[in-house]
Amino acid sequence: FIIAFIYGEWSPKWRFSNKVYRLINQ
């Protein structure tokens, strides 16, 4: 998911837990 977001786009459709969401953004 991280690599996909680096090259793709982050859509609000994706629903991660708060913990995973923070990790991915970090």
PDB file of all heavy atoms in Angstrom:
ATOM      1  N   PHE A   1       0.824  -1.205   0.000  1.00  0.00           N
ATOM      2  CA  PHE A   1       0.000   0.000   0.000  1.00  0.00           C
ATOM      3  C   PHE A   1       0.863   1.262   0.000  1.00  0.00           C
ATOM      4  O   PHE A   1       0.560   2.231  -0.704  1.00  0.00           O
ATOM      5  CB  PHE A   1      -0.942   0.006   1.203  1.00  0.00           C
ATOM      6  CG  PHE A   1      -2.235  -0.718   0.957  1.00  0.00           C
ATOM      7  CD1 PHE A   1      -2.520  -1.905   1.610  1.00  0.00           C
ATOM      8  CD2 PHE A   1      -3.168  -0.208   0.064  1.00  0.00           C
ATOM      9  CE1 PHE A   1      -3.711  -2.576   1.379  1.00  0.00           C
ATOM     10  CE2 PHE A   1      -4.362  -0.872  -0.179  1.00  0.00           C
ATOM     11  CZ  PHE A   1      -4.638  -2.059   0.480  1.00  0.00           C
ATOM     12  N   ILE A   2       1.942   1.272   0.790  1.00  0.00           N
ATOM     13  CA  ILE A   2       2.787   2.467   0.855  1.00  0.00           C
ATOM     14  C   ILE A   2       3.374   2.785  -0.520  1.00  0.00           C
ATOM     15  O   ILE A   2       3.331   3.936  -0.978  1.00  0.00           O
ATOM     16  CB  ILE A   2       3.903   2.286   1.897  1.00  0.00           C
ATOM     17  CG1 ILE A   2       3.316   2.281   3.315  1.00  0.00           C
ATOM     18  CG2 ILE A   2       4.943   3.413   1.772  1.00  0.00           C
ATOM     19  CD1 ILE A   2       4.314   1.897   4.393  1.00  0.00           C
ATOM     20  N   ILE A   3       3.917   1.777  -1.182  1.00  0.00           N
ATOM     21  CA  ILE A   3       4.507   2.010  -2.504  1.00  0.00           C
ATOM     22  C   ILE A   3       3.436   2.433  -3.507  1.00  0.00           C
ATOM     23  O   ILE A   3       3.660   3.327  -4.342  1.00  0.00           O
ATOM     24  CB  ILE A   3       5.262   0.756  -2.982  1.00  0.00           C
ATOM     25  CG1 ILE A   3       6.497   0.527  -2.102  1.00  0.00           C
ATOM     26  CG2 ILE A   3       5.676   0.893  -4.453  1.00  0.00           C
ATOM     27  CD1 ILE A   3       7.200  -0.778  -2.331  1.00  0.00           C
ATOM     28  N   ALA A   4       2.261   1.815  -3.400  1.00  0.00           N
ATOM     29  CA  ALA A   4       1.166   2.197  -4.298  1.00  0.00           C
ATOM     30  C   ALA A   4       0.786   3.659  -4.096  1.00  0.00           C
ATOM     31  O   ALA A   4       0.488   4.376  -5.057  1.00  0.00           O
ATOM     32  CB  ALA A   4      -0.036   1.288  -4.067  1.00  0.00           C
ATOM     33  N   PHE A   5       0.815   4.127  -2.849  1.00  0.00           N
ATOM     34  CA  PHE A   5       0.466   5.519  -2.573  1.00  0.00           C
ATOM     35  C   PHE A   5       1.593   6.481  -2.969  1.00  0.00           C
ATOM     36  O   PHE A   5       1.325   7.628  -3.327  1.00  0.00           O
ATOM     37  CB  PHE A   5       0.113   5.706  -1.104  1.00  0.00           C
ATOM     38  CG  PHE A   5      -1.178   5.050  -0.699  1.00  0.00           C
ATOM     39  CD1 PHE A   5      -1.292   4.380   0.510  1.00  0.00           C
ATOM     40  CD2 PHE A   5      -2.282   5.089  -1.534  1.00  0.00           C
ATOM     41  CE1 PHE A   5      -2.476   3.777   0.880  1.00  0.00           C
ATOM     42  CE2 PHE A   5      -3.476   4.486  -1.177  1.00  0.00           C
ATOM     43  CZ  PHE A   5      -3.575   3.826   0.036  1.00  0.00           C
ATOM     44  N   ILE A   6       2.845   6.032  -2.897  1.00  0.00           N
ATOM     45  CA  ILE A   6       3.955   6.896  -3.312  1.00  0.00           C
ATOM     46  C   ILE A   6       3.815   7.260  -4.790  1.00  0.00           C
ATOM     47  O   ILE A   6       4.013   8.412  -5.191  1.00  0.00           O
ATOM     48  CB  ILE A   6       5.308   6.209  -3.054  1.00  0.00           C
ATOM     49  CG1 ILE A   6       5.614   6.190  -1.541  1.00  0.00           C
ATOM     50  CG2 ILE A   6       6.443   6.927  -3.800  1.00  0.00           C
ATOM     51  CD1 ILE A   6       6.839   5.375  -1.173  1.00  0.00           C
ATOM     52  N   TYR A   7       3.449   6.292  -5.609  1.00  0.00           N
ATOM     53  CA  TYR A   7       3.384   6.513  -7.054  1.00  0.00           C
ATOM     54  C   TYR A   7       1.969   6.789  -7.546  1.00  0.00           C
ATOM     55  O   TYR A   7       1.784   7.363  -8.618  1.00  0.00           O
ATOM     56  CB  TYR A   7       3.974   5.310  -7.798  1.00  0.00           C
ATOM     57  CG  TYR A   7       5.463   5.215  -7.626  1.00  0.00           C
ATOM     58  CD1 TYR A   7       6.017   4.541  -6.546  1.00  0.00           C
ATOM     59  CD2 TYR A   7       6.326   5.845  -8.517  1.00  0.00           C
ATOM     60  CE1 TYR A   7       7.395   4.470  -6.370  1.00  0.00           C
ATOM     61  CE2 TYR A   7       7.698   5.781  -8.357  1.00  0.00           C
ATOM     62  CZ  TYR A   7       8.224   5.096  -7.274  1.00  0.00           C
ATOM     63  OH  TYR A   7       9.584   5.046  -7.094  1.00  0.00           O
ATOM     64  N   GLY A   8       0.981   6.362  -6.780  1.00  0.00           N
ATOM     65  CA  GLY A   8      -0.398   6.604  -7.155  1.00  0.00           C
ATOM     66  C   GLY A   8      -0.983   7.780  -6.390  1.00  0.00           C
ATOM     67  O   GLY A   8      -0.293   8.745  -6.085  1.00  0.00           O
ATOM     68  N   GLU A   9      -2.265   7.678  -6.085  1.00  0.00           N
ATOM     69  CA  GLU A   9      -2.948   8.747  -5.373  1.00  0.00           C
ATOM     70  C   GLU A   9      -3.625   8.183  -4.134  1.00  0.00           C
ATOM     71  O   GLU A   9      -4.089   7.043  -4.126  1.00  0.00           O
ATOM     72  CB  GLU A   9      -4.004   9.399  -6.275  1.00  0.00           C
ATOM     73  CG  GLU A   9      -3.444  10.036  -7.538  1.00  0.00           C
ATOM     74  CD  GLU A   9      -4.545  10.584  -8.429  1.00  0.00           C
ATOM     75  OE1 GLU A   9      -5.704  10.650  -7.964  1.00  0.00           O
ATOM     76  OE2 GLU A   9      -4.243  10.921  -9.582  1.00  0.00           O
ATOM     77  N   TRP A  10      -3.676   9.008  -3.086  1.00  0.00           N
ATOM     78  CA  TRP A  10      -4.340   8.611  -1.846  1.00  0.00           C
ATOM     79  C   TRP A  10      -5.799   9.029  -1.956  1.00  0.00           C
ATOM     80  O   TRP A  10      -6.131  10.203  -1.991  1.00  0.00           O
ATOM     81  CB  TRP A  10      -3.679   9.283  -0.644  1.00  0.00           C
ATOM     82  CG  TRP A  10      -4.299   8.888   0.654  1.00  0.00           C
ATOM     83  CD1 TRP A  10      -5.541   9.228   1.108  1.00  0.00           C
ATOM     84  CD2 TRP A  10      -3.738   8.058   1.669  1.00  0.00           C
ATOM     85  NE1 TRP A  10      -5.789   8.673   2.336  1.00  0.00           N
ATOM     86  CE2 TRP A  10      -4.691   7.955   2.710  1.00  0.00           C
ATOM     87  CE3 TRP A  10      -2.509   7.414   1.803  1.00  0.00           C
ATOM     88  CZ2 TRP A  10      -4.449   7.218   3.865  1.00  0.00           C
ATOM     89  CZ3 TRP A  10      -2.277   6.689   2.959  1.00  0.00           C
ATOM     90  CH2 TRP A  10      -3.225   6.581   3.968  1.00  0.00           C
ATOM     91  N   SER A  11      -6.699   8.067  -1.991  1.00  0.00           N
ATOM     92  CA  SER A  11      -8.123   8.367  -2.057  1.00  0.00           C
ATOM     93  C   SER A  11      -8.747   8.221  -0.680  1.00  0.00           C
ATOM     94  O   SER A  11      -8.391   7.316   0.081  1.00  0.00           O
ATOM     95  CB  SER A  11      -8.820   7.402  -3.030  1.00  0.00           C
ATOM     96  OG  SER A  11     -10.229   7.483  -2.883  1.00  0.00           O
ATOM     97  N   PRO A  12      -9.698   9.098  -0.338  1.00  0.00           N
ATOM     98  CA  PRO A  12     -10.404   8.939   0.938  1.00  0.00           C
ATOM     99  C   PRO A  12     -11.228   7.667   1.009  1.00  0.00           C
ATOM    100  O   PRO A  12     -11.726   7.315   2.077  1.00  0.00           O
ATOM    101  CB  PRO A  12     -11.294  10.192   1.000  1.00  0.00           C
ATOM    102  CG  PRO A  12     -11.401  10.676  -0.412  1.00  0.00           C
ATOM    103  CD  PRO A  12     -10.111  10.310  -1.068  1.00  0.00           C
ATOM    104  N   LYS A  13     -11.349   6.980  -0.112  1.00  0.00           N
ATOM    105  CA  LYS A  13     -12.067   5.697  -0.116  1.00  0.00           C
ATOM    106  C   LYS A  13     -11.394   4.666   0.784  1.00  0.00           C
ATOM    107  O   LYS A  13     -12.051   3.818   1.391  1.00  0.00           O
ATOM    108  CB  LYS A  13     -12.122   5.140  -1.539  1.00  0.00           C
ATOM    109  CG  LYS A  13     -13.201   5.731  -2.420  1.00  0.00           C
ATOM    110  CD  LYS A  13     -14.540   5.071  -2.151  1.00  0.00           C
ATOM    111  CE  LYS A  13     -15.582   5.491  -3.166  1.00  0.00           C
ATOM    112  NZ  LYS A  13     -16.867   4.818  -2.914  1.00  0.00           N
ATOM    113  N   TRP A  14     -10.049   4.712   0.845  1.00  0.00           N
ATOM    114  CA  TRP A  14      -9.313   3.709   1.619  1.00  0.00           C
ATOM    115  C   TRP A  14      -9.534   3.944   3.111  1.00  0.00           C
ATOM    116  O   TRP A  14      -9.385   5.063   3.595  1.00  0.00           O
ATOM    117  CB  TRP A  14      -7.823   3.761   1.283  1.00  0.00           C
ATOM    118  CG  TRP A  14      -7.580   3.529  -0.174  1.00  0.00           C
ATOM    119  CD1 TRP A  14      -7.177   4.433  -1.101  1.00  0.00           C
ATOM    120  CD2 TRP A  14      -7.762   2.293  -0.879  1.00  0.00           C
ATOM    121  NE1 TRP A  14      -7.090   3.854  -2.341  1.00  0.00           N
ATOM    122  CE2 TRP A  14      -7.449   2.535  -2.236  1.00  0.00           C
ATOM    123  CE3 TRP A  14      -8.161   1.020  -0.503  1.00  0.00           C
ATOM    124  CZ2 TRP A  14      -7.526   1.546  -3.212  1.00  0.00           C
ATOM    125  CZ3 TRP A  14      -8.237   0.027  -1.473  1.00  0.00           C
ATOM    126  CH2 TRP A  14      -7.914   0.293  -2.809  1.00  0.00           C
ATOM    127  N   ARG A  15      -9.872   2.890   3.829  1.00  0.00           N
ATOM    128  CA  ARG A  15     -10.225   3.009   5.243  1.00  0.00           C
ATOM    129  C   ARG A  15      -9.313   2.135   6.093  1.00  0.00           C
ATOM    130  O   ARG A  15      -9.600   0.963   6.341  1.00  0.00           O
ATOM    131  CB  ARG A  15     -11.683   2.607   5.464  1.00  0.00           C
ATOM    132  CG  ARG A  15     -12.684   3.533   4.773  1.00  0.00           C
ATOM    133  CD  ARG A  15     -14.102   3.082   5.011  1.00  0.00           C
ATOM    134  NE  ARG A  15     -15.059   3.881   4.264  1.00  0.00           N
ATOM    135  CZ  ARG A  15     -16.353   3.598   4.169  1.00  0.00           C
ATOM    136  NH1 ARG A  15     -16.839   2.537   4.790  1.00  0.00           N
ATOM    137  NH2 ARG A  15     -17.161   4.378   3.468  1.00  0.00           N
ATOM    138  N   PHE A  16      -8.229   2.724   6.522  1.00  0.00           N
ATOM    139  CA  PHE A  16      -7.310   2.035   7.424  1.00  0.00           C
ATOM    140  C   PHE A  16      -7.667   2.377   8.870  1.00  0.00           C
ATOM    141  O   PHE A  16      -8.329   3.381   9.142  1.00  0.00           O
ATOM    142  CB  PHE A  16      -5.872   2.464   7.136  1.00  0.00           C
ATOM    143  CG  PHE A  16      -5.396   2.136   5.747  1.00  0.00           C
ATOM    144  CD1 PHE A  16      -5.473   3.079   4.723  1.00  0.00           C
ATOM    145  CD2 PHE A  16      -4.873   0.894   5.454  1.00  0.00           C
ATOM    146  CE1 PHE A  16      -5.044   2.778   3.439  1.00  0.00           C
ATOM    147  CE2 PHE A  16      -4.429   0.586   4.173  1.00  0.00           C
ATOM    148  CZ  PHE A  16      -4.520   1.525   3.169  1.00  0.00           C
ATOM    149  N   SER A  17      -7.206   1.541   9.783  1.00  0.00           N
ATOM    150  CA  SER A  17      -7.327   1.900  11.188  1.00  0.00           C
ATOM    151  C   SER A  17      -6.510   3.165  11.436  1.00  0.00           C
ATOM    152  O   SER A  17      -5.600   3.491  10.664  1.00  0.00           O
ATOM    153  CB  SER A  17      -6.816   0.767  12.079  1.00  0.00           C
ATOM    154  OG  SER A  17      -5.406   0.633  11.945  1.00  0.00           O
ATOM    155  N   ASN A  18      -6.826   3.879  12.505  1.00  0.00           N
ATOM    156  CA  ASN A  18      -6.083   5.100  12.812  1.00  0.00           C
ATOM    157  C   ASN A  18      -4.592   4.816  12.954  1.00  0.00           C
ATOM    158  O   ASN A  18      -3.742   5.606  12.514  1.00  0.00           O
ATOM    159  CB  ASN A  18      -6.622   5.734  14.089  1.00  0.00           C
ATOM    160  CG  ASN A  18      -7.998   6.346  13.888  1.00  0.00           C
ATOM    161  OD1 ASN A  18      -8.373   6.701  12.773  1.00  0.00           O
ATOM    162  ND2 ASN A  18      -8.762   6.468  14.956  1.00  0.00           N
ATOM    163  N   LYS A  19      -4.266   3.684  13.565  1.00  0.00           N
ATOM    164  CA  LYS A  19      -2.866   3.325  13.772  1.00  0.00           C
ATOM    165  C   LYS A  19      -2.148   3.118  12.439  1.00  0.00           C
ATOM    166  O   LYS A  19      -1.037   3.644  12.226  1.00  0.00           O
ATOM    167  CB  LYS A  19      -2.774   2.056  14.618  1.00  0.00           C
ATOM    168  CG  LYS A  19      -1.355   1.593  14.897  1.00  0.00           C
ATOM    169  CD  LYS A  19      -1.345   0.330  15.753  1.00  0.00           C
ATOM    170  CE  LYS A  19       0.072  -0.151  16.016  1.00  0.00           C
ATOM    171  NZ  LYS A  19       0.082  -1.389  16.830  1.00  0.00           N
ATOM    172  N   VAL A  20      -2.760   2.366  11.534  1.00  0.00           N
ATOM    173  CA  VAL A  20      -2.133   2.098  10.233  1.00  0.00           C
ATOM    174  C   VAL A  20      -2.100   3.370   9.390  1.00  0.00           C
ATOM    175  O   VAL A  20      -1.122   3.633   8.685  1.00  0.00           O
ATOM    176  CB  VAL A  20      -2.871   0.964   9.506  1.00  0.00           C
ATOM    177  CG1 VAL A  20      -2.329   0.784   8.091  1.00  0.00           C
ATOM    178  CG2 VAL A  20      -2.744  -0.341  10.286  1.00  0.00           C
ATOM    179  N   TYR A  21      -3.169   4.160   9.475  1.00  0.00           N
ATOM    180  CA  TYR A  21      -3.212   5.426   8.737  1.00  0.00           C
ATOM    181  C   TYR A  21      -2.052   6.328   9.139  1.00  0.00           C
ATOM    182  O   TYR A  21      -1.361   6.899   8.281  1.00  0.00           O
ATOM    183  CB  TYR A  21      -4.549   6.117   9.008  1.00  0.00           C
ATOM    184  CG  TYR A  21      -4.716   7.456   8.324  1.00  0.00           C
ATOM    185  CD1 TYR A  21      -5.167   7.540   7.013  1.00  0.00           C
ATOM    186  CD2 TYR A  21      -4.430   8.642   8.992  1.00  0.00           C
ATOM    187  CE1 TYR A  21      -5.324   8.762   6.376  1.00  0.00           C
ATOM    188  CE2 TYR A  21      -4.577   9.873   8.366  1.00  0.00           C
ATOM    189  CZ  TYR A  21      -5.029   9.927   7.070  1.00  0.00           C
ATOM    190  OH  TYR A  21      -5.169  11.139   6.448  1.00  0.00           O
ATOM    191  N   ARG A  22      -1.819   6.447  10.455  1.00  0.00           N
ATOM    192  CA  ARG A  22      -0.706   7.284  10.926  1.00  0.00           C
ATOM    193  C   ARG A  22       0.631   6.723  10.471  1.00  0.00           C
ATOM    194  O   ARG A  22       1.537   7.473  10.076  1.00  0.00           O
ATOM    195  CB  ARG A  22      -0.749   7.397  12.447  1.00  0.00           C
ATOM    196  CG  ARG A  22      -1.875   8.291  12.974  1.00  0.00           C
ATOM    197  CD  ARG A  22      -1.683   8.599  14.448  1.00  0.00           C
ATOM    198  NE  ARG A  22      -1.751   7.389  15.263  1.00  0.00           N
ATOM    199  CZ  ARG A  22      -2.863   6.927  15.817  1.00  0.00           C
ATOM    200  NH1 ARG A  22      -4.020   7.551  15.629  1.00  0.00           N
ATOM    201  NH2 ARG A  22      -2.844   5.833  16.560  1.00  0.00           N
ATOM    202  N   LEU A  23       0.771   5.385  10.521  1.00  0.00           N
ATOM    203  CA  LEU A  23       2.034   4.766  10.103  1.00  0.00           C
ATOM    204  C   LEU A  23       2.308   5.023   8.629  1.00  0.00           C
ATOM    205  O   LEU A  23       3.426   5.391   8.248  1.00  0.00           O
ATOM    206  CB  LEU A  23       2.000   3.260  10.381  1.00  0.00           C
ATOM    207  CG  LEU A  23       3.220   2.478   9.894  1.00  0.00           C
ATOM    208  CD1 LEU A  23       4.476   2.929  10.632  1.00  0.00           C
ATOM    209  CD2 LEU A  23       3.002   0.975  10.059  1.00  0.00           C
ATOM    210  N   ILE A  24       1.298   4.830   7.788  1.00  0.00           N
ATOM    211  CA  ILE A  24       1.492   5.029   6.351  1.00  0.00           C
ATOM    212  C   ILE A  24       1.905   6.467   6.067  1.00  0.00           C
ATOM    213  O   ILE A  24       2.852   6.727   5.301  1.00  0.00           O
ATOM    214  CB  ILE A  24       0.210   4.657   5.576  1.00  0.00           C
ATOM    215  CG1 ILE A  24      -0.007   3.140   5.608  1.00  0.00           C
ATOM    216  CG2 ILE A  24       0.298   5.147   4.130  1.00  0.00           C
ATOM    217  CD1 ILE A  24      -1.293   2.687   4.965  1.00  0.00           C
ATOM    218  N   ASN A  25       1.230   7.429   6.678  1.00  0.00           N
ATOM    219  CA  ASN A  25       1.599   8.834   6.464  1.00  0.00           C
ATOM    220  C   ASN A  25       2.997   9.135   6.981  1.00  0.00           C
ATOM    221  O   ASN A  25       3.756   9.892   6.357  1.00  0.00           O
ATOM    222  CB  ASN A  25       0.574   9.751   7.141  1.00  0.00           C
ATOM    223  CG  ASN A  25      -0.635   9.997   6.262  1.00  0.00           C
ATOM    224  OD1 ASN A  25      -0.581  10.733   5.284  1.00  0.00           O
ATOM    225  ND2 ASN A  25      -1.730   9.339   6.596  1.00  0.00           N
ATOM    226  N   GLN A  26       3.359   8.529   8.115  1.00  0.00           N
ATOM    227  CA  GLN A  26       4.706   8.718   8.657  1.00  0.00           C
ATOM    228  C   GLN A  26       5.754   8.189   7.687  1.00  0.00           C
ATOM    229  O   GLN A  26       6.773   8.846   7.436  1.00  0.00           O
ATOM    230  CB  GLN A  26       4.813   8.012  10.006  1.00  0.00           C
ATOM    231  CG  GLN A  26       6.162   8.160  10.683  1.00  0.00           C
ATOM    232  CD  GLN A  26       6.247   7.380  11.987  1.00  0.00           C
ATOM    233  OE1 GLN A  26       5.410   6.523  12.280  1.00  0.00           O
ATOM    234  NE2 GLN A  26       7.259   7.674  12.789  1.00  0.00           N
TER     235      GLN A  26
END
